[in-house]
């Protein structure tokens, strides 16, 4: 599901205009790379926070899964972090249904954007602003 989600986002020009595309795209699983700096432009991480699988009465699983995915957008300005989060949230992700990237998406819910800042801890003067929100993604795992 993660690969299909990334492919979907990296196929949206409103998103890639902000975070880049191809090998230089700044969309990362779980954490930012150690060498990432917000001066390179906004960066985005995605992380599966939880997943629930629907079970059948028989000792088996149905294949239906609901996962909470946290999207975190990092930038050197509050407005850039918020713009990146809004671009992802408004990319049509909430209307994603059907097969995309080999995954049978059944529905996506989004929640509100939260924003905060991180003070520099490495001796630099590089503040990071983080805008984040969650996606609740329902899909069928084959």
N, C-alpha and C. Protein backbone atom coordinates (compact mmCIF):
# COMPACT_ATOMS: atom_id res chain seq x y z
N UNK A 1 0.82 -1.19 0.00
CA UNK A 1 0.00 0.00 0.00
C UNK A 1 0.87 1.26 0.00
N UNK A 2 1.98 1.22 0.75
CA UNK A 2 2.85 2.39 0.82
C UNK A 2 3.39 2.78 -0.56
N UNK A 3 3.80 1.79 -1.35
CA UNK A 3 4.34 2.09 -2.68
C UNK A 3 3.27 2.69 -3.57
N UNK A 4 2.05 2.17 -3.49
CA UNK A 4 0.94 2.71 -4.30
C UNK A 4 0.61 4.14 -3.87
N UNK A 5 0.65 4.40 -2.56
CA UNK A 5 0.39 5.75 -2.04
C UNK A 5 1.45 6.72 -2.55
N UNK A 6 2.72 6.31 -2.48
CA UNK A 6 3.81 7.17 -2.96
C UNK A 6 3.68 7.42 -4.46
N UNK A 7 3.37 6.38 -5.23
CA UNK A 7 3.22 6.54 -6.67
C UNK A 7 2.08 7.51 -6.98
N UNK A 8 1.00 7.42 -6.22
CA UNK A 8 -0.12 8.33 -6.42
C UNK A 8 0.32 9.78 -6.17
N UNK A 9 0.96 10.01 -5.03
CA UNK A 9 1.39 11.37 -4.68
C UNK A 9 2.42 11.92 -5.66
N UNK A 10 3.36 11.06 -6.07
CA UNK A 10 4.41 11.51 -6.99
C UNK A 10 3.89 11.69 -8.41
N UNK A 11 2.66 11.29 -8.65
CA UNK A 11 2.02 11.51 -9.94
C UNK A 11 1.20 12.80 -9.98
N UNK A 12 1.19 13.55 -8.89
CA UNK A 12 0.42 14.78 -8.80
C UNK A 12 1.36 15.98 -8.91
N UNK A 13 1.19 16.78 -9.98
CA UNK A 13 2.10 17.90 -10.22
C UNK A 13 2.05 18.94 -9.11
N UNK A 14 0.89 19.11 -8.46
CA UNK A 14 0.81 20.08 -7.35
C UNK A 14 1.72 19.66 -6.20
N UNK A 15 1.97 18.37 -6.07
CA UNK A 15 2.85 17.85 -5.02
C UNK A 15 4.30 17.90 -5.48
N UNK A 16 4.57 17.40 -6.69
CA UNK A 16 5.96 17.33 -7.15
C UNK A 16 6.56 18.71 -7.42
N UNK A 17 5.72 19.70 -7.69
CA UNK A 17 6.22 21.06 -7.84
C UNK A 17 6.89 21.51 -6.54
N UNK A 18 6.39 21.05 -5.41
CA UNK A 18 6.93 21.45 -4.11
C UNK A 18 8.05 20.55 -3.61
N UNK A 19 7.94 19.22 -3.82
CA UNK A 19 8.91 18.30 -3.23
C UNK A 19 9.83 17.64 -4.25
N UNK A 20 9.68 17.97 -5.52
CA UNK A 20 10.51 17.37 -6.55
C UNK A 20 9.94 16.05 -7.03
N UNK A 21 10.54 15.52 -8.07
CA UNK A 21 10.04 14.27 -8.64
C UNK A 21 11.20 13.33 -8.92
N UNK A 22 10.85 12.10 -9.30
CA UNK A 22 11.87 11.11 -9.64
C UNK A 22 12.79 10.82 -8.46
N UNK A 23 14.05 10.56 -8.77
CA UNK A 23 15.02 10.23 -7.72
C UNK A 23 15.31 11.40 -6.79
N UNK A 24 15.04 12.63 -7.25
CA UNK A 24 15.30 13.80 -6.41
C UNK A 24 14.07 14.22 -5.61
N UNK A 25 12.98 13.47 -5.73
CA UNK A 25 11.77 13.77 -4.95
C UNK A 25 12.03 13.57 -3.46
N UNK A 26 11.52 14.46 -2.65
CA UNK A 26 11.77 14.43 -1.21
C UNK A 26 10.56 13.85 -0.46
N UNK A 27 10.24 12.59 -0.76
CA UNK A 27 9.18 11.83 -0.10
C UNK A 27 9.82 10.59 0.49
N UNK A 28 9.80 10.48 1.82
CA UNK A 28 10.58 9.46 2.51
C UNK A 28 9.72 8.64 3.47
N UNK A 29 10.03 7.35 3.62
CA UNK A 29 9.34 6.54 4.62
C UNK A 29 9.87 6.85 6.03
N UNK A 30 8.98 7.03 6.96
CA UNK A 30 9.26 7.14 8.40
C UNK A 30 10.02 8.38 8.84
N UNK A 31 11.25 8.57 8.39
CA UNK A 31 12.07 9.69 8.86
C UNK A 31 12.79 10.36 7.69
N UNK A 32 13.20 11.59 7.90
CA UNK A 32 13.99 12.29 6.89
C UNK A 32 15.39 11.70 6.84
N UNK A 33 16.03 11.70 5.68
CA UNK A 33 17.42 11.25 5.62
C UNK A 33 18.31 12.14 6.48
N UNK A 34 19.38 11.60 6.96
CA UNK A 34 20.28 12.34 7.84
C UNK A 34 20.84 13.58 7.17
N UNK A 35 21.05 13.53 5.85
CA UNK A 35 21.65 14.67 5.16
C UNK A 35 20.63 15.68 4.63
N UNK A 36 19.33 15.47 4.93
CA UNK A 36 18.31 16.40 4.46
C UNK A 36 18.38 17.71 5.24
N UNK A 37 18.20 18.81 4.51
CA UNK A 37 18.11 20.14 5.12
C UNK A 37 16.90 20.83 4.53
N UNK A 38 16.16 21.55 5.35
CA UNK A 38 14.98 22.26 4.86
C UNK A 38 15.34 23.33 3.84
N UNK A 39 16.61 23.71 3.76
CA UNK A 39 17.03 24.68 2.74
C UNK A 39 16.98 24.07 1.34
N UNK A 40 16.89 22.73 1.23
CA UNK A 40 16.77 22.06 -0.06
C UNK A 40 15.36 22.19 -0.63
N UNK A 41 14.41 22.57 0.21
CA UNK A 41 13.01 22.64 -0.17
C UNK A 41 12.21 21.74 0.75
N UNK A 42 10.90 21.84 0.69
CA UNK A 42 10.06 21.01 1.56
C UNK A 42 10.33 19.52 1.36
N UNK A 43 10.26 18.80 2.46
CA UNK A 43 10.39 17.35 2.44
C UNK A 43 9.19 16.73 3.16
N UNK A 44 8.84 15.51 2.78
CA UNK A 44 7.66 14.85 3.33
C UNK A 44 8.02 13.45 3.78
N UNK A 45 7.52 13.06 4.94
CA UNK A 45 7.63 11.68 5.39
C UNK A 45 6.23 11.10 5.53
N UNK A 46 6.15 9.78 5.40
CA UNK A 46 4.91 9.06 5.63
C UNK A 46 5.23 7.88 6.53
N UNK A 47 4.32 7.59 7.44
CA UNK A 47 4.56 6.52 8.41
C UNK A 47 3.23 5.86 8.75
N UNK A 48 3.21 4.53 8.67
CA UNK A 48 2.02 3.81 9.10
C UNK A 48 2.02 3.79 10.62
N UNK A 49 1.04 4.46 11.21
CA UNK A 49 0.93 4.55 12.66
C UNK A 49 0.24 3.32 13.23
N UNK A 50 -0.78 2.84 12.53
CA UNK A 50 -1.49 1.64 12.98
C UNK A 50 -2.21 1.02 11.80
N UNK A 51 -2.51 -0.28 11.92
CA UNK A 51 -3.28 -1.00 10.92
C UNK A 51 -4.20 -1.97 11.62
N UNK A 52 -5.41 -2.06 11.13
CA UNK A 52 -6.39 -3.02 11.64
C UNK A 52 -6.83 -3.90 10.49
N UNK A 53 -6.76 -5.21 10.71
CA UNK A 53 -7.20 -6.16 9.69
C UNK A 53 -8.55 -6.71 10.08
N UNK A 54 -9.44 -6.81 9.10
CA UNK A 54 -10.76 -7.39 9.35
C UNK A 54 -10.62 -8.90 9.32
N UNK A 55 -11.16 -9.54 10.33
CA UNK A 55 -11.06 -11.00 10.44
C UNK A 55 -12.39 -11.64 10.07
N UNK A 56 -12.32 -12.86 9.59
CA UNK A 56 -13.51 -13.66 9.31
C UNK A 56 -13.82 -14.52 10.51
N UNK A 57 -15.00 -15.12 10.55
CA UNK A 57 -15.34 -16.03 11.65
C UNK A 57 -14.43 -17.24 11.64
N UNK A 58 -14.11 -17.72 10.45
CA UNK A 58 -13.15 -18.83 10.35
C UNK A 58 -11.77 -18.27 10.69
N UNK A 59 -10.86 -19.11 11.08
CA UNK A 59 -9.51 -18.61 11.45
C UNK A 59 -8.73 -18.14 10.23
N UNK A 60 -9.16 -17.01 9.70
CA UNK A 60 -8.52 -16.46 8.51
C UNK A 60 -8.80 -14.96 8.47
N UNK A 61 -8.08 -14.27 7.65
CA UNK A 61 -8.33 -12.84 7.51
C UNK A 61 -9.02 -12.58 6.17
N UNK A 62 -9.81 -11.54 6.13
CA UNK A 62 -10.58 -11.23 4.93
C UNK A 62 -9.75 -10.51 3.87
N UNK A 63 -8.67 -9.90 4.28
CA UNK A 63 -7.85 -9.13 3.35
C UNK A 63 -8.14 -7.65 3.39
N UNK A 64 -9.20 -7.25 4.12
CA UNK A 64 -9.51 -5.83 4.24
C UNK A 64 -8.71 -5.24 5.39
N UNK A 65 -8.08 -4.11 5.11
CA UNK A 65 -7.21 -3.46 6.09
C UNK A 65 -7.55 -1.98 6.14
N UNK A 66 -7.46 -1.43 7.34
CA UNK A 66 -7.59 0.01 7.50
C UNK A 66 -6.32 0.49 8.21
N UNK A 67 -5.57 1.37 7.56
CA UNK A 67 -4.31 1.87 8.12
C UNK A 67 -4.38 3.37 8.33
N UNK A 68 -3.80 3.81 9.44
CA UNK A 68 -3.64 5.23 9.71
C UNK A 68 -2.21 5.58 9.30
N UNK A 69 -2.10 6.52 8.35
CA UNK A 69 -0.80 6.94 7.83
C UNK A 69 -0.61 8.40 8.18
N UNK A 70 0.48 8.70 8.89
CA UNK A 70 0.79 10.09 9.23
C UNK A 70 1.66 10.68 8.14
N UNK A 71 1.23 11.82 7.61
CA UNK A 71 1.99 12.58 6.62
C UNK A 71 2.58 13.79 7.34
N UNK A 72 3.89 13.94 7.28
CA UNK A 72 4.57 15.07 7.93
C UNK A 72 5.34 15.85 6.86
N UNK A 73 5.09 17.16 6.81
CA UNK A 73 5.71 18.03 5.82
C UNK A 73 6.66 18.99 6.52
N UNK A 74 7.91 19.00 6.10
CA UNK A 74 8.96 19.79 6.74
C UNK A 74 9.39 20.91 5.79
N UNK A 75 9.60 22.10 6.36
CA UNK A 75 10.07 23.24 5.55
C UNK A 75 10.74 24.25 6.46
N UNK A 76 11.39 25.25 5.86
CA UNK A 76 12.06 26.27 6.66
C UNK A 76 11.15 27.46 6.95
N UNK A 77 9.93 27.43 6.42
CA UNK A 77 8.93 28.47 6.71
C UNK A 77 7.61 27.80 7.02
N UNK A 78 6.87 28.39 7.94
CA UNK A 78 5.55 27.88 8.30
C UNK A 78 4.66 27.77 7.07
N UNK A 79 4.64 28.82 6.25
CA UNK A 79 3.78 28.85 5.06
C UNK A 79 4.13 27.73 4.09
N UNK A 80 5.41 27.41 3.94
CA UNK A 80 5.82 26.34 3.03
C UNK A 80 5.42 24.97 3.54
N UNK A 81 5.54 24.76 4.84
CA UNK A 81 5.10 23.48 5.42
C UNK A 81 3.60 23.30 5.23
N UNK A 82 2.84 24.36 5.49
CA UNK A 82 1.38 24.30 5.33
C UNK A 82 0.99 24.13 3.86
N UNK A 83 1.66 24.82 2.96
CA UNK A 83 1.36 24.69 1.53
C UNK A 83 1.59 23.26 1.04
N UNK A 84 2.66 22.66 1.52
CA UNK A 84 2.97 21.29 1.12
C UNK A 84 1.91 20.33 1.65
N UNK A 85 1.53 20.50 2.91
CA UNK A 85 0.48 19.64 3.50
C UNK A 85 -0.83 19.82 2.75
N UNK A 86 -1.18 21.06 2.43
CA UNK A 86 -2.44 21.31 1.70
C UNK A 86 -2.39 20.73 0.29
N UNK A 87 -1.23 20.80 -0.36
CA UNK A 87 -1.11 20.24 -1.71
C UNK A 87 -1.37 18.74 -1.69
N UNK A 88 -0.84 18.06 -0.68
CA UNK A 88 -1.06 16.62 -0.57
C UNK A 88 -2.52 16.34 -0.22
N UNK A 89 -3.03 17.06 0.75
CA UNK A 89 -4.41 16.85 1.20
C UNK A 89 -5.41 17.16 0.09
N UNK A 90 -5.12 18.15 -0.76
CA UNK A 90 -6.02 18.55 -1.83
C UNK A 90 -5.69 17.89 -3.17
N UNK A 91 -4.83 16.88 -3.15
CA UNK A 91 -4.40 16.21 -4.38
C UNK A 91 -5.45 15.27 -4.94
N UNK A 92 -6.55 15.13 -4.23
CA UNK A 92 -7.57 14.16 -4.63
C UNK A 92 -7.45 12.87 -3.86
N UNK A 93 -6.53 12.83 -2.92
CA UNK A 93 -6.28 11.62 -2.13
C UNK A 93 -7.55 11.14 -1.42
N UNK A 94 -8.39 12.07 -0.97
CA UNK A 94 -9.61 11.68 -0.25
C UNK A 94 -10.64 11.02 -1.16
N UNK A 95 -10.47 11.14 -2.47
CA UNK A 95 -11.40 10.52 -3.41
C UNK A 95 -10.82 9.25 -4.03
N UNK A 96 -9.64 8.84 -3.56
CA UNK A 96 -8.97 7.67 -4.12
C UNK A 96 -9.78 6.40 -3.83
N UNK A 97 -10.31 5.81 -4.90
CA UNK A 97 -11.06 4.56 -4.80
C UNK A 97 -10.75 3.74 -6.03
N UNK A 98 -10.76 2.44 -5.86
CA UNK A 98 -10.46 1.55 -6.97
C UNK A 98 -9.00 1.15 -6.96
N UNK A 99 -8.59 0.45 -8.00
CA UNK A 99 -7.23 -0.07 -8.06
C UNK A 99 -6.28 1.02 -8.55
N UNK A 100 -5.26 1.28 -7.76
CA UNK A 100 -4.22 2.25 -8.11
C UNK A 100 -2.90 1.66 -7.64
N UNK A 101 -1.95 1.54 -8.53
CA UNK A 101 -0.66 0.97 -8.17
C UNK A 101 -0.75 -0.46 -7.71
N UNK A 102 -1.76 -1.19 -8.20
CA UNK A 102 -1.92 -2.60 -7.82
C UNK A 102 -2.63 -2.81 -6.49
N UNK A 103 -3.09 -1.74 -5.85
CA UNK A 103 -3.79 -1.85 -4.57
C UNK A 103 -5.24 -1.46 -4.76
N UNK A 104 -6.14 -2.22 -4.19
CA UNK A 104 -7.58 -1.96 -4.28
C UNK A 104 -7.98 -1.03 -3.13
N UNK A 105 -7.94 0.27 -3.39
CA UNK A 105 -8.31 1.25 -2.38
C UNK A 105 -9.83 1.30 -2.26
N UNK A 106 -10.32 1.29 -1.01
CA UNK A 106 -11.76 1.32 -0.76
C UNK A 106 -12.23 2.68 -0.25
N UNK A 107 -11.31 3.52 0.21
CA UNK A 107 -11.67 4.84 0.69
C UNK A 107 -10.55 5.44 1.51
N UNK A 108 -10.52 6.77 1.54
CA UNK A 108 -9.50 7.50 2.30
C UNK A 108 -10.18 8.65 3.03
N UNK A 109 -9.91 8.75 4.31
CA UNK A 109 -10.37 9.88 5.12
C UNK A 109 -9.16 10.69 5.54
N UNK A 110 -9.35 12.01 5.68
CA UNK A 110 -8.26 12.86 6.14
C UNK A 110 -8.70 13.60 7.40
N UNK A 111 -7.74 14.01 8.20
CA UNK A 111 -8.08 14.85 9.35
C UNK A 111 -7.41 16.20 9.20
N UNK A 112 -7.58 17.06 10.18
CA UNK A 112 -7.05 18.43 10.11
C UNK A 112 -5.54 18.49 10.19
N UNK A 113 -5.00 19.56 9.67
CA UNK A 113 -3.55 19.76 9.67
C UNK A 113 -3.12 20.38 11.00
N UNK A 114 -2.08 19.79 11.58
CA UNK A 114 -1.46 20.32 12.79
C UNK A 114 -0.10 20.90 12.38
N UNK A 115 0.29 22.03 12.97
CA UNK A 115 1.57 22.62 12.60
C UNK A 115 2.32 23.04 13.86
N UNK A 116 3.60 22.82 13.85
CA UNK A 116 4.46 23.24 14.97
C UNK A 116 5.87 23.46 14.44
N UNK A 117 6.75 23.94 15.28
CA UNK A 117 8.13 24.21 14.86
C UNK A 117 9.10 23.45 15.75
N UNK A 118 10.28 23.20 15.20
CA UNK A 118 11.37 22.56 15.95
C UNK A 118 12.53 23.56 16.00
N UNK A 119 13.03 23.79 17.19
CA UNK A 119 14.19 24.66 17.33
C UNK A 119 15.44 23.88 16.93
N UNK A 120 16.46 24.56 16.44
CA UNK A 120 17.69 23.86 16.06
C UNK A 120 18.34 23.20 17.28
N UNK A 121 18.82 21.98 17.08
CA UNK A 121 19.50 21.26 18.17
C UNK A 121 20.94 20.92 17.80
N UNK A 122 21.34 21.29 16.59
CA UNK A 122 22.68 20.92 16.13
C UNK A 122 23.65 22.10 16.08
N UNK A 123 23.28 23.21 16.72
CA UNK A 123 24.14 24.37 16.72
C UNK A 123 23.91 25.30 15.54
N UNK A 124 23.08 24.89 14.60
CA UNK A 124 22.79 25.76 13.44
C UNK A 124 21.64 26.69 13.80
N UNK A 125 21.29 27.54 12.86
CA UNK A 125 20.15 28.43 13.08
C UNK A 125 18.97 27.99 12.20
N UNK A 126 18.96 26.72 11.81
CA UNK A 126 17.95 26.20 10.90
C UNK A 126 16.71 25.70 11.65
N UNK A 127 15.68 26.53 11.68
CA UNK A 127 14.40 26.13 12.26
C UNK A 127 13.66 25.26 11.27
N UNK A 128 12.91 24.30 11.77
CA UNK A 128 12.07 23.47 10.91
C UNK A 128 10.63 23.63 11.34
N UNK A 129 9.78 23.82 10.35
CA UNK A 129 8.34 23.88 10.59
C UNK A 129 7.75 22.59 10.05
N UNK A 130 6.87 21.99 10.83
CA UNK A 130 6.28 20.71 10.47
C UNK A 130 4.77 20.86 10.45
N UNK A 131 4.17 20.52 9.33
CA UNK A 131 2.71 20.47 9.19
C UNK A 131 2.38 19.00 8.95
N UNK A 132 1.49 18.45 9.76
CA UNK A 132 1.18 17.04 9.59
C UNK A 132 -0.30 16.76 9.73
N UNK A 133 -0.71 15.67 9.12
CA UNK A 133 -2.09 15.21 9.20
C UNK A 133 -2.09 13.71 8.97
N UNK A 134 -3.20 13.09 9.28
CA UNK A 134 -3.33 11.64 9.11
C UNK A 134 -4.29 11.32 7.99
N UNK A 135 -4.00 10.22 7.33
CA UNK A 135 -4.90 9.61 6.36
C UNK A 135 -5.37 8.30 6.96
N UNK A 136 -6.64 8.02 6.89
CA UNK A 136 -7.16 6.70 7.27
C UNK A 136 -7.50 6.03 5.94
N UNK A 137 -6.71 5.02 5.58
CA UNK A 137 -6.82 4.39 4.27
C UNK A 137 -7.41 2.99 4.42
N UNK A 138 -8.51 2.74 3.74
CA UNK A 138 -9.12 1.41 3.72
C UNK A 138 -8.78 0.79 2.37
N UNK A 139 -8.31 -0.45 2.41
CA UNK A 139 -7.90 -1.13 1.17
C UNK A 139 -8.00 -2.64 1.33
N UNK A 140 -7.96 -3.32 0.21
CA UNK A 140 -7.98 -4.78 0.22
C UNK A 140 -6.59 -5.26 -0.10
N UNK A 141 -6.08 -6.10 0.77
CA UNK A 141 -4.75 -6.67 0.60
C UNK A 141 -4.92 -8.05 -0.03
N UNK A 142 -4.38 -8.24 -1.21
CA UNK A 142 -4.58 -9.50 -1.92
C UNK A 142 -3.72 -10.63 -1.45
